[in-house]
Amino acid sequence: MITIGGVLVSASHAGNYQACNFEQFDFCRFDDSAYLIDPPLLTYAEMRQIDVDRTKVACGLPLPTSDIEKYSQFYRYFPRFVEAEIS
């Protein structure tokens, strides 16, 4: 899967664009290099448990530390879903 994004800015708004400081984000690219999204293989329950206390490296779960570290870098951008049954 590939996702491509961009910004069109008029000259009158160039200052606003520069003030956004997109260079600070690891995932923003200003050349032809790609950003690899490498999400951890976690269940929603595991992600919720990590969210409870991200300060603990293992979070009390039998998970590889690498998965928890990946999630810690990725969690802000992970989509959240809520399931509801209406009867």
PDB file of N, CA and C in Angstrom:
ATOM      1  N   MET A   1       0.845  -1.163   0.000  1.00  0.00           N
ATOM      2  CA  MET A   1       0.000   0.000   0.000  1.00  0.00           C
ATOM      3  C   MET A   1       0.895   1.232   0.000  1.00  0.00           C
ATOM      4  N   ILE A   2       0.434   2.261  -0.646  1.00  0.00           N
ATOM      5  CA  ILE A   2       1.181   3.511  -0.696  1.00  0.00           C
ATOM      6  C   ILE A   2       0.231   4.664  -0.395  1.00  0.00           C
ATOM      7  N   THR A   3       0.713   5.612   0.342  1.00  0.00           N
ATOM      8  CA  THR A   3      -0.038   6.827   0.633  1.00  0.00           C
ATOM      9  C   THR A   3       0.830   8.004   0.236  1.00  0.00           C
ATOM     10  N   ILE A   4       0.244   8.901  -0.518  1.00  0.00           N
ATOM     11  CA  ILE A   4       0.969  10.089  -0.969  1.00  0.00           C
ATOM     12  C   ILE A   4       0.189  11.313  -0.516  1.00  0.00           C
ATOM     13  N   GLY A   5       0.884  12.275   0.003  1.00  0.00           N
ATOM     14  CA  GLY A   5       0.247  13.510   0.443  1.00  0.00           C
ATOM     15  C   GLY A   5       1.066  14.697   0.000  1.00  0.00           C
ATOM     16  N   GLY A   6       0.469  15.839   0.091  1.00  0.00           N
ATOM     17  CA  GLY A   6       1.174  17.051  -0.283  1.00  0.00           C
ATOM     18  C   GLY A   6       0.422  18.271   0.196  1.00  0.00           C
ATOM     19  N   VAL A   7       1.039  19.412   0.043  1.00  0.00           N
ATOM     20  CA  VAL A   7       0.442  20.670   0.461  1.00  0.00           C
ATOM     21  C   VAL A   7       0.648  21.685  -0.649  1.00  0.00           C
ATOM     22  N   LEU A   8      -0.428  22.343  -1.034  1.00  0.00           N
ATOM     23  CA  LEU A   8      -0.348  23.456  -1.984  1.00  0.00           C
ATOM     24  C   LEU A   8      -0.523  24.739  -1.183  1.00  0.00           C
ATOM     25  N   VAL A   9       0.437  25.641  -1.311  1.00  0.00           N
ATOM     26  CA  VAL A   9       0.431  26.855  -0.505  1.00  0.00           C
ATOM     27  C   VAL A   9       0.588  28.062  -1.415  1.00  0.00           C
ATOM     28  N   SER A  10      -0.289  29.025  -1.237  1.00  0.00           N
ATOM     29  CA  SER A  10      -0.133  30.265  -1.998  1.00  0.00           C
ATOM     30  C   SER A  10       0.993  31.086  -1.365  1.00  0.00           C
ATOM     31  N   ALA A  11       1.552  31.968  -2.142  1.00  0.00           N
ATOM     32  CA  ALA A  11       2.670  32.786  -1.652  1.00  0.00           C
ATOM     33  C   ALA A  11       2.269  33.590  -0.420  1.00  0.00           C
ATOM     34  N   SER A  12       1.011  33.997  -0.358  1.00  0.00           N
ATOM     35  CA  SER A  12       0.565  34.801   0.783  1.00  0.00           C
ATOM     36  C   SER A  12       0.485  33.986   2.080  1.00  0.00           C
ATOM     37  N   HIS A  13       0.462  32.665   1.973  1.00  0.00           N
ATOM     38  CA  HIS A  13       0.401  31.808   3.156  1.00  0.00           C
ATOM     39  C   HIS A  13       1.710  31.053   3.415  1.00  0.00           C
ATOM     40  N   ALA A  14       2.756  31.394   2.708  1.00  0.00           N
ATOM     41  CA  ALA A  14       4.035  30.692   2.857  1.00  0.00           C
ATOM     42  C   ALA A  14       4.564  30.780   4.288  1.00  0.00           C
ATOM     43  N   GLY A  15       4.375  31.898   4.930  1.00  0.00           N
ATOM     44  CA  GLY A  15       4.831  32.053   6.315  1.00  0.00           C
ATOM     45  C   GLY A  15       4.111  31.111   7.259  1.00  0.00           C
ATOM     46  N   ASN A  16       2.803  30.950   7.051  1.00  0.00           N
ATOM     47  CA  ASN A  16       2.033  30.015   7.881  1.00  0.00           C
ATOM     48  C   ASN A  16       2.527  28.585   7.681  1.00  0.00           C
ATOM     49  N   TYR A  17       2.801  28.234   6.428  1.00  0.00           N
ATOM     50  CA  TYR A  17       3.310  26.892   6.128  1.00  0.00           C
ATOM     51  C   TYR A  17       4.649  26.664   6.829  1.00  0.00           C
ATOM     52  N   GLN A  18       5.548  27.618   6.730  1.00  0.00           N
ATOM     53  CA  GLN A  18       6.865  27.470   7.358  1.00  0.00           C
ATOM     54  C   GLN A  18       6.754  27.399   8.878  1.00  0.00           C
ATOM     55  N   ALA A  19       5.764  28.102   9.440  1.00  0.00           N
ATOM     56  CA  ALA A  19       5.570  28.082  10.889  1.00  0.00           C
ATOM     57  C   ALA A  19       5.115  26.709  11.389  1.00  0.00           C
ATOM     58  N   CYS A  20       4.551  25.893  10.508  1.00  0.00           N
ATOM     59  CA  CYS A  20       4.116  24.541  10.893  1.00  0.00           C
ATOM     60  C   CYS A  20       5.296  23.631  11.197  1.00  0.00           C
ATOM     61  N   ASN A  21       6.462  23.967  10.666  1.00  0.00           N
ATOM     62  CA  ASN A  21       7.695  23.226  10.943  1.00  0.00           C
ATOM     63  C   ASN A  21       7.544  21.723  10.686  1.00  0.00           C
ATOM     64  N   PHE A  22       7.106  21.383   9.490  1.00  0.00           N
ATOM     65  CA  PHE A  22       6.909  19.983   9.134  1.00  0.00           C
ATOM     66  C   PHE A  22       8.209  19.176   9.188  1.00  0.00           C
ATOM     67  N   GLU A  23       9.348  19.836   9.146  1.00  0.00           N
ATOM     68  CA  GLU A  23      10.632  19.138   9.204  1.00  0.00           C
ATOM     69  C   GLU A  23      10.814  18.373  10.512  1.00  0.00           C
ATOM     70  N   GLN A  24      10.068  18.747  11.547  1.00  0.00           N
ATOM     71  CA  GLN A  24      10.215  18.090  12.847  1.00  0.00           C
ATOM     72  C   GLN A  24       9.641  16.675  12.865  1.00  0.00           C
ATOM     73  N   PHE A  25       8.818  16.330  11.890  1.00  0.00           N
ATOM     74  CA  PHE A  25       8.178  15.017  11.873  1.00  0.00           C
ATOM     75  C   PHE A  25       9.011  14.021  11.071  1.00  0.00           C
ATOM     76  N   ASP A  26       9.260  12.869  11.670  1.00  0.00           N
ATOM     77  CA  ASP A  26      10.051  11.832  11.004  1.00  0.00           C
ATOM     78  C   ASP A  26       9.418  11.372   9.704  1.00  0.00           C
ATOM     79  N   PHE A  27       8.102  11.384   9.640  1.00  0.00           N
ATOM     80  CA  PHE A  27       7.407  10.834   8.480  1.00  0.00           C
ATOM     81  C   PHE A  27       7.275  11.813   7.317  1.00  0.00           C
ATOM     82  N   CYS A  28       7.628  13.062   7.490  1.00  0.00           N
ATOM     83  CA  CYS A  28       7.576  14.037   6.388  1.00  0.00           C
ATOM     84  C   CYS A  28       8.840  13.912   5.551  1.00  0.00           C
ATOM     85  N   ARG A  29       8.641  13.848   4.266  1.00  0.00           N
ATOM     86  CA  ARG A  29       9.767  13.729   3.336  1.00  0.00           C
ATOM     87  C   ARG A  29       9.723  14.887   2.352  1.00  0.00           C
ATOM     88  N   PHE A  30      10.883  15.420   2.045  1.00  0.00           N
ATOM     89  CA  PHE A  30      10.983  16.531   1.105  1.00  0.00           C
ATOM     90  C   PHE A  30      11.825  16.144  -0.103  1.00  0.00           C
ATOM     91  N   ASP A  31      12.017  14.844  -0.254  1.00  0.00           N
ATOM     92  CA  ASP A  31      12.739  14.315  -1.408  1.00  0.00           C
ATOM     93  C   ASP A  31      12.020  13.046  -1.849  1.00  0.00           C
ATOM     94  N   ASP A  32      12.673  12.209  -2.604  1.00  0.00           N
ATOM     95  CA  ASP A  32      12.004  11.012  -3.113  1.00  0.00           C
ATOM     96  C   ASP A  32      12.216   9.781  -2.228  1.00  0.00           C
ATOM     97  N   SER A  33      12.713   9.970  -1.017  1.00  0.00           N
ATOM     98  CA  SER A  33      12.883   8.829  -0.114  1.00  0.00           C
ATOM     99  C   SER A  33      11.530   8.434   0.480  1.00  0.00           C
ATOM    100  N   ALA A  34      11.402   7.168   0.822  1.00  0.00           N
ATOM    101  CA  ALA A  34      10.149   6.648   1.369  1.00  0.00           C
ATOM    102  C   ALA A  34      10.227   6.554   2.891  1.00  0.00           C
ATOM    103  N   TYR A  35       9.087   6.624   3.525  1.00  0.00           N
ATOM    104  CA  TYR A  35       8.988   6.405   4.964  1.00  0.00           C
ATOM    105  C   TYR A  35       8.297   5.066   5.160  1.00  0.00           C
ATOM    106  N   LEU A  36       8.974   4.127   5.760  1.00  0.00           N
ATOM    107  CA  LEU A  36       8.431   2.801   5.979  1.00  0.00           C
ATOM    108  C   LEU A  36       7.625   2.790   7.273  1.00  0.00           C
ATOM    109  N   ILE A  37       6.369   2.427   7.168  1.00  0.00           N
ATOM    110  CA  ILE A  37       5.529   2.267   8.352  1.00  0.00           C
ATOM    111  C   ILE A  37       5.647   0.809   8.777  1.00  0.00           C
ATOM    112  N   ASP A  38       6.179   0.585   9.951  1.00  0.00           N
ATOM    113  CA  ASP A  38       6.428  -0.764  10.446  1.00  0.00           C
ATOM    114  C   ASP A  38       5.694  -0.951  11.772  1.00  0.00           C
ATOM    115  N   PRO A  39       4.360  -1.104  11.719  1.00  0.00           N
ATOM    116  CA  PRO A  39       3.599  -1.211  12.965  1.00  0.00           C
ATOM    117  C   PRO A  39       3.859  -2.546  13.661  1.00  0.00           C
ATOM    118  N   PRO A  40       3.756  -2.554  14.976  1.00  0.00           N
ATOM    119  CA  PRO A  40       3.930  -3.804  15.709  1.00  0.00           C
ATOM    120  C   PRO A  40       2.705  -4.697  15.525  1.00  0.00           C
ATOM    121  N   LEU A  41       2.892  -5.980  15.727  1.00  0.00           N
ATOM    122  CA  LEU A  41       1.786  -6.930  15.634  1.00  0.00           C
ATOM    123  C   LEU A  41       1.172  -7.091  17.022  1.00  0.00           C
ATOM    124  N   LEU A  42       0.217  -6.220  17.329  1.00  0.00           N
ATOM    125  CA  LEU A  42      -0.425  -6.213  18.642  1.00  0.00           C
ATOM    126  C   LEU A  42      -1.939  -6.279  18.484  1.00  0.00           C
ATOM    127  N   THR A  43      -2.594  -6.838  19.483  1.00  0.00           N
ATOM    128  CA  THR A  43      -4.052  -6.818  19.507  1.00  0.00           C
ATOM    129  C   THR A  43      -4.507  -5.494  20.115  1.00  0.00           C
ATOM    130  N   TYR A  44      -5.797  -5.185  19.966  1.00  0.00           N
ATOM    131  CA  TYR A  44      -6.323  -3.968  20.585  1.00  0.00           C
ATOM    132  C   TYR A  44      -6.192  -4.034  22.105  1.00  0.00           C
ATOM    133  N   ALA A  45      -6.390  -5.212  22.678  1.00  0.00           N
ATOM    134  CA  ALA A  45      -6.254  -5.364  24.130  1.00  0.00           C
ATOM    135  C   ALA A  45      -4.820  -5.074  24.573  1.00  0.00           C
ATOM    136  N   GLU A  46      -3.853  -5.546  23.820  1.00  0.00           N
ATOM    137  CA  GLU A  46      -2.449  -5.286  24.161  1.00  0.00           C
ATOM    138  C   GLU A  46      -2.128  -3.802  24.040  1.00  0.00           C
ATOM    139  N   MET A  47      -2.647  -3.154  22.998  1.00  0.00           N
ATOM    140  CA  MET A  47      -2.405  -1.717  22.840  1.00  0.00           C
ATOM    141  C   MET A  47      -3.019  -0.932  23.991  1.00  0.00           C
ATOM    142  N   ARG A  48      -4.219  -1.311  24.406  1.00  0.00           N
ATOM    143  CA  ARG A  48      -4.856  -0.622  25.536  1.00  0.00           C
ATOM    144  C   ARG A  48      -4.030  -0.796  26.803  1.00  0.00           C
ATOM    145  N   GLN A  49      -3.497  -1.989  27.024  1.00  0.00           N
ATOM    146  CA  GLN A  49      -2.682  -2.227  28.215  1.00  0.00           C
ATOM    147  C   GLN A  49      -1.402  -1.395  28.176  1.00  0.00           C
ATOM    148  N   ILE A  50      -0.787  -1.294  27.031  1.00  0.00           N
ATOM    149  CA  ILE A  50       0.416  -0.460  26.904  1.00  0.00           C
ATOM    150  C   ILE A  50       0.055   0.997  27.162  1.00  0.00           C
ATOM    151  N   ASP A  51      -1.113   1.435  26.671  1.00  0.00           N
ATOM    152  CA  ASP A  51      -1.554   2.815  26.879  1.00  0.00           C
ATOM    153  C   ASP A  51      -1.763   3.133  28.356  1.00  0.00           C
ATOM    154  N   VAL A  52      -2.138   2.136  29.151  1.00  0.00           N
ATOM    155  CA  VAL A  52      -2.383   2.355  30.573  1.00  0.00           C
ATOM    156  C   VAL A  52      -1.123   2.861  31.264  1.00  0.00           C
ATOM    157  N   ASP A  53      -0.003   2.265  30.952  1.00  0.00           N
ATOM    158  CA  ASP A  53       1.244   2.690  31.584  1.00  0.00           C
ATOM    159  C   ASP A  53       2.411   2.485  30.634  1.00  0.00           C
ATOM    160  N   ARG A  54       2.613   3.451  29.764  1.00  0.00           N
ATOM    161  CA  ARG A  54       3.672   3.371  28.768  1.00  0.00           C
ATOM    162  C   ARG A  54       5.053   3.546  29.402  1.00  0.00           C
ATOM    163  N   THR A  55       5.100   3.963  30.661  1.00  0.00           N
ATOM    164  CA  THR A  55       6.399   4.162  31.305  1.00  0.00           C
ATOM    165  C   THR A  55       7.061   2.839  31.667  1.00  0.00           C
ATOM    166  N   LYS A  56       6.274   1.780  31.814  1.00  0.00           N
ATOM    167  CA  LYS A  56       6.849   0.458  32.076  1.00  0.00           C
ATOM    168  C   LYS A  56       7.226  -0.157  30.744  1.00  0.00           C
ATOM    169  N   VAL A  57       8.453  -0.566  30.617  1.00  0.00           N
ATOM    170  CA  VAL A  57       8.922  -1.111  29.340  1.00  0.00           C
ATOM    171  C   VAL A  57       8.116  -2.337  28.942  1.00  0.00           C
ATOM    172  N   ALA A  58       7.878  -3.245  29.857  1.00  0.00           N
ATOM    173  CA  ALA A  58       7.171  -4.478  29.507  1.00  0.00           C
ATOM    174  C   ALA A  58       5.667  -4.360  29.693  1.00  0.00           C
ATOM    175  N   CYS A  59       5.193  -3.396  30.454  1.00  0.00           N
ATOM    176  CA  CYS A  59       3.765  -3.169  30.689  1.00  0.00           C
ATOM    177  C   CYS A  59       3.065  -4.409  31.222  1.00  0.00           C
ATOM    178  N   GLY A  60       3.792  -5.335  31.800  1.00  0.00           N
ATOM    179  CA  GLY A  60       3.191  -6.535  32.347  1.00  0.00           C
ATOM    180  C   GLY A  60       2.705  -7.519  31.296  1.00  0.00           C
ATOM    181  N   LEU A  61       3.081  -7.329  30.050  1.00  0.00           N
ATOM    182  CA  LEU A  61       2.638  -8.203  28.970  1.00  0.00           C
ATOM    183  C   LEU A  61       3.796  -9.055  28.461  1.00  0.00           C
ATOM    184  N   PRO A  62       3.504 -10.286  28.057  1.00  0.00           N
ATOM    185  CA  PRO A  62       4.563 -11.144  27.498  1.00  0.00           C
ATOM    186  C   PRO A  62       4.812 -10.808  26.031  1.00  0.00           C
ATOM    187  N   LEU A  63       5.323  -9.621  25.784  1.00  0.00           N
ATOM    188  CA  LEU A  63       5.554  -9.136  24.418  1.00  0.00           C
ATOM    189  C   LEU A  63       7.024  -8.824  24.220  1.00  0.00           C
ATOM    190  N   PRO A  64       7.488  -8.946  22.988  1.00  0.00           N
ATOM    191  CA  PRO A  64       8.862  -8.506  22.709  1.00  0.00           C
ATOM    192  C   PRO A  64       8.995  -7.007  22.966  1.00  0.00           C
ATOM    193  N   THR A  65      10.079  -6.617  23.575  1.00  0.00           N
ATOM    194  CA  THR A  65      10.326  -5.197  23.832  1.00  0.00           C
ATOM    195  C   THR A  65      10.286  -4.401  22.536  1.00  0.00           C
ATOM    196  N   SER A  66      10.714  -5.012  21.437  1.00  0.00           N
ATOM    197  CA  SER A  66      10.716  -4.306  20.148  1.00  0.00           C
ATOM    198  C   SER A  66       9.305  -3.916  19.722  1.00  0.00           C
ATOM    199  N   ASP A  67       8.299  -4.763  20.001  1.00  0.00           N
ATOM    200  CA  ASP A  67       6.918  -4.423  19.654  1.00  0.00           C
ATOM    201  C   ASP A  67       6.416  -3.248  20.479  1.00  0.00           C
ATOM    202  N   ILE A  68       6.771  -3.224  21.758  1.00  0.00           N
ATOM    203  CA  ILE A  68       6.350  -2.119  22.619  1.00  0.00           C
ATOM    204  C   ILE A  68       7.029  -0.827  22.181  1.00  0.00           C
ATOM    205  N   GLU A  69       8.299  -0.896  21.823  1.00  0.00           N
ATOM    206  CA  GLU A  69       9.015   0.294  21.350  1.00  0.00           C
ATOM    207  C   GLU A  69       8.427   0.798  20.036  1.00  0.00           C
ATOM    208  N   LYS A  70       8.099  -0.113  19.112  1.00  0.00           N
ATOM    209  CA  LYS A  70       7.470   0.294  17.850  1.00  0.00           C
ATOM    210  C   LYS A  70       6.142   0.982  18.121  1.00  0.00           C
ATOM    211  N   TYR A  71       5.350   0.393  19.008  1.00  0.00           N
ATOM    212  CA  TYR A  71       4.049   0.977  19.329  1.00  0.00           C
ATOM    213  C   TYR A  71       4.219   2.365  19.941  1.00  0.00           C
ATOM    214  N   SER A  72       5.218   2.536  20.787  1.00  0.00           N
ATOM    215  CA  SER A  72       5.449   3.836  21.420  1.00  0.00           C
ATOM    216  C   SER A  72       5.759   4.924  20.403  1.00  0.00           C
ATOM    217  N   GLN A  73       6.342   4.553  19.275  1.00  0.00           N
ATOM    218  CA  GLN A  73       6.630   5.528  18.220  1.00  0.00           C
ATOM    219  C   GLN A  73       5.427   5.756  17.313  1.00  0.00           C
ATOM    220  N   PHE A  74       4.512   4.809  17.290  1.00  0.00           N
ATOM    221  CA  PHE A  74       3.450   4.763  16.292  1.00  0.00           C
ATOM    222  C   PHE A  74       2.067   5.113  16.840  1.00  0.00           C
ATOM    223  N   TYR A  75       1.855   5.016  18.152  1.00  0.00           N
ATOM    224  CA  TYR A  75       0.513   5.044  18.723  1.00  0.00           C
ATOM    225  C   TYR A  75      -0.285   6.306  18.406  1.00  0.00           C
ATOM    226  N   ARG A  76       0.364   7.431  18.286  1.00  0.00           N
ATOM    227  CA  ARG A  76      -0.357   8.685  18.028  1.00  0.00           C
ATOM    228  C   ARG A  76      -1.083   8.674  16.694  1.00  0.00           C
ATOM    229  N   TYR A  77      -0.610   7.882  15.761  1.00  0.00           N
ATOM    230  CA  TYR A  77      -1.161   7.886  14.411  1.00  0.00           C
ATOM    231  C   TYR A  77      -2.012   6.658  14.121  1.00  0.00           C
ATOM    232  N   PHE A  78      -2.154   5.782  15.105  1.00  0.00           N
ATOM    233  CA  PHE A  78      -2.922   4.561  14.901  1.00  0.00           C
ATOM    234  C   PHE A  78      -4.409   4.889  14.974  1.00  0.00           C
ATOM    235  N   PRO A  79      -5.189   4.428  14.007  1.00  0.00           N
ATOM    236  CA  PRO A  79      -6.628   4.737  14.049  1.00  0.00           C
ATOM    237  C   PRO A  79      -7.306   4.039  15.224  1.00  0.00           C
ATOM    238  N   ARG A  80      -8.264   4.709  15.796  1.00  0.00           N
ATOM    239  CA  ARG A  80      -9.036   4.147  16.908  1.00  0.00           C
ATOM    240  C   ARG A  80     -10.445   3.844  16.421  1.00  0.00           C
ATOM    241  N   PHE A  81     -10.951   2.711  16.838  1.00  0.00           N
ATOM    242  CA  PHE A  81     -12.284   2.286  16.438  1.00  0.00           C
ATOM    243  C   PHE A  81     -13.088   1.939  17.680  1.00  0.00           C
ATOM    244  N   VAL A  82     -14.368   2.148  17.576  1.00  0.00           N
ATOM    245  CA  VAL A  82     -15.277   1.764  18.647  1.00  0.00           C
ATOM    246  C   VAL A  82     -16.380   0.934  18.027  1.00  0.00           C
ATOM    247  N   GLU A  83     -16.615  -0.220  18.599  1.00  0.00           N
ATOM    248  CA  GLU A  83     -17.706  -1.062  18.129  1.00  0.00           C
ATOM    249  C   GLU A  83     -18.894  -0.868  19.057  1.00  0.00           C
ATOM    250  N   ALA A  84     -20.051  -0.729  18.472  1.00  0.00           N
ATOM    251  CA  ALA A  84     -21.266  -0.578  19.263  1.00  0.00           C
ATOM    252  C   ALA A  84     -22.382  -1.371  18.612  1.00  0.00           C
ATOM    253  N   GLU A  85     -23.166  -2.011  19.439  1.00  0.00           N
ATOM    254  CA  GLU A  85     -24.330  -2.735  18.937  1.00  0.00           C
ATOM    255  C   GLU A  85     -25.570  -1.960  19.327  1.00  0.00           C
ATOM    256  N   ILE A  86     -26.380  -1.691  18.355  1.00  0.00           N
ATOM    257  CA  ILE A  86     -27.624  -0.969  18.595  1.00  0.00           C
ATOM    258  C   ILE A  86     -28.763  -1.936  18.327  1.00  0.00           C
ATOM    259  N   SER A  87     -29.607  -2.110  19.321  1.00  0.00           N
ATOM    260  CA  SER A  87     -30.726  -3.036  19.108  1.00  0.00           C
ATOM    261  C   SER A  87     -32.054  -2.357  19.337  1.00  0.00           C
TER     262      SER A  87
END
